[in-house]
Amino acid sequence: ASSGLAKVVIVVDKDVNIYRLDDVMASLGSRWQPVPGTVLIPQSQGVPLDPSAPKRGLSSRIIIDATRQFEAEGGPAALAPVSRELLEELAPNAFPNIDAKWETFFPTNN
């Protein structure tokens, strides 16, 4: 986050591929809680030509901690398994059923 252009910084665990937006968004959805995992920086140096800035050269920023939170950080006492793993365990036929019906709902026009 050394760039003066970054208004949003998302911190993720090492198992998250930062080059895949889906992975980062999944981390936000399954690991991040806005409280305590968010830091707002109300005024910091910004880009002079930022049209959203209320005052030229100043900007606000947000840091999002989308890592698994330990209990001492306000997280759960035990970390839940990844959602997909849990779904496969609880509903083992879910993904095969989806795959079997995929073309019905999302046809590929070849």
Foldseek 3Di string as FASTA:
>chain_A
DPDLAAQEAEAEDPVFDPVDPVSSVLLCVQAFDCVPFKDKAAWDAHAQPPPVDPDGRIDIHMYGYSYHDDVVRVHDPDDDPRPVVVCCVVPVCVVVVCVVCVCVVVNDDD
